[in-house]
Amino acid sequence: MDNRVKAVAALLGVGSFAVILYLALASNMPIYWFSVVLLGALMIICESLGENMSSGGRSTYGIIVIFAAIAALNTPSAMIVALFGAFHLGLARRREDAWNLAYTAVVY
């Protein structure tokens, strides 16, 4: 992975965590941990059920869970659910690079 992409992934990751911390601590927005864990587990399952496309890449069902989190939860809780999108059950077999994982998380 290119160093510029690594820098962008690191910057966006730090920015995402800063927004979550600001909204949770300074704005007194609660994080609904039970819902976050349930939707996060569902997000991991949906990302694992992806299908490989003939032109390359994967198509997954995780966007449905992200929309549900946005509609049902507040902003920091929905952002944490979206960060679960980087993880899927195929990671144990593929041994993905940590930078690829961080980039995928901040894209969500």
Protein backbone atom coordinates (compact mmCIF):
# COMPACT_ATOMS: atom_id res chain seq x y z
CA MET A 1 0.00 0.00 0.00
CA ASP A 2 1.26 3.46 -0.93
CA ASN A 3 2.45 5.75 1.87
CA ARG A 4 -0.07 8.42 0.87
CA VAL A 5 -2.93 5.94 1.28
CA LYS A 6 -1.53 4.91 4.67
CA ALA A 7 -1.38 8.56 5.73
CA VAL A 8 -4.96 9.17 4.62
CA ALA A 9 -6.15 6.03 6.42
CA ALA A 10 -4.37 7.07 9.61
CA LEU A 11 -5.66 10.64 9.42
CA LEU A 12 -9.25 9.58 8.77
CA GLY A 13 -9.06 6.93 11.50
CA VAL A 14 -7.88 9.48 14.05
CA GLY A 15 -10.57 11.90 12.84
CA SER A 16 -13.29 9.27 13.19
CA PHE A 17 -12.26 8.43 16.73
CA ALA A 18 -12.04 12.14 17.56
CA VAL A 19 -15.62 12.68 16.35
CA ILE A 20 -16.85 9.66 18.33
CA LEU A 21 -15.10 10.84 21.49
CA TYR A 22 -16.31 14.42 21.07
CA LEU A 23 -19.92 13.41 20.54
CA ALA A 24 -19.86 10.86 23.35
CA LEU A 25 -18.00 12.95 25.93
CA ALA A 26 -18.47 16.64 25.17
CA SER A 27 -21.97 16.51 23.72
CA ASN A 28 -23.19 13.95 26.27
CA MET A 29 -24.59 11.67 23.57
CA PRO A 30 -24.89 8.16 24.99
CA ILE A 31 -23.50 5.14 23.18
CA TYR A 32 -26.03 2.32 23.08
CA TRP A 33 -23.59 -0.55 23.60
CA PHE A 34 -26.13 -3.37 23.44
CA SER A 35 -27.40 -2.19 20.05
CA VAL A 36 -23.86 -1.48 18.85
CA VAL A 37 -22.72 -5.01 19.69
CA LEU A 38 -25.78 -6.63 18.06
CA LEU A 39 -25.58 -4.54 14.90
CA GLY A 40 -21.79 -4.92 14.85
CA ALA A 41 -22.10 -8.71 14.93
CA LEU A 42 -24.71 -8.51 12.18
CA MET A 43 -22.35 -6.27 10.21
CA ILE A 44 -19.55 -8.84 10.48
CA ILE A 45 -21.91 -11.60 9.31
CA CYS A 46 -23.18 -9.51 6.39
CA GLU A 47 -19.64 -8.63 5.32
CA SER A 48 -18.76 -12.34 5.45
CA LEU A 49 -21.62 -13.22 3.09
CA GLY A 50 -20.17 -11.13 0.28
CA GLU A 51 -19.88 -12.42 -3.24
CA ASN A 52 -16.91 -11.99 -5.55
CA MET A 53 -17.76 -10.10 -8.73
CA SER A 54 -16.49 -11.13 -12.13
CA SER A 55 -14.85 -7.73 -12.71
CA GLY A 56 -12.99 -7.92 -9.38
CA GLY A 57 -13.91 -6.75 -5.92
CA ARG A 58 -16.68 -7.91 -3.64
CA SER A 59 -20.33 -7.13 -3.18
CA THR A 60 -21.59 -7.34 0.40
CA TYR A 61 -24.79 -6.70 2.35
CA GLY A 62 -23.24 -4.54 5.06
CA ILE A 63 -24.74 -1.30 3.75
CA ILE A 64 -28.16 -2.50 4.93
CA VAL A 65 -26.88 -2.74 8.51
CA ILE A 66 -25.25 0.69 8.26
CA PHE A 67 -28.54 2.24 7.12
CA ALA A 68 -30.34 0.50 10.01
CA ALA A 69 -27.76 1.86 12.47
CA ILE A 70 -28.09 5.38 11.07
CA ALA A 71 -31.89 5.23 11.29
CA ALA A 72 -32.11 3.63 14.75
CA LEU A 73 -29.10 4.95 16.67
CA ASN A 74 -27.41 8.25 17.33
CA THR A 75 -24.27 9.38 15.49
CA PRO A 76 -21.46 7.93 17.65
CA SER A 77 -23.21 4.57 17.98
CA ALA A 78 -23.78 4.36 14.21
CA MET A 79 -20.13 5.28 13.55
CA ILE A 80 -18.94 2.46 15.81
CA VAL A 81 -21.22 0.00 13.99
CA ALA A 82 -19.74 1.18 10.67
CA LEU A 83 -16.21 0.53 11.98
CA PHE A 84 -17.21 -3.12 12.43
CA GLY A 85 -17.55 -3.26 8.63
CA ALA A 86 -13.82 -3.71 8.20
CA PHE A 87 -13.95 -7.05 9.98
CA HIS A 88 -15.34 -10.20 8.47
CA LEU A 89 -14.95 -13.89 9.10
CA GLY A 90 -12.58 -14.39 6.16
CA LEU A 91 -9.83 -12.34 7.80
CA ALA A 92 -8.50 -15.33 9.74
CA ARG A 93 -7.83 -17.18 6.49
CA ARG A 94 -6.44 -14.31 4.44
CA ARG A 95 -4.18 -12.63 7.04
CA GLU A 96 -4.95 -9.14 5.79
CA ASP A 97 -2.52 -6.29 6.33
CA ALA A 98 -3.37 -3.94 9.22
CA TRP A 99 -3.27 -0.92 6.90
CA ASN A 100 -5.82 -2.49 4.55
CA LEU A 101 -8.04 -3.19 7.52
CA ALA A 102 -7.71 0.41 8.78
CA TYR A 103 -8.42 1.81 5.32
CA THR A 104 -11.53 -0.33 4.95
CA ALA A 105 -12.76 0.76 8.39
CA VAL A 106 -12.43 4.46 7.64
CA VAL A 107 -14.10 4.06 4.26
CA TYR A 108 -17.20 2.80 6.03
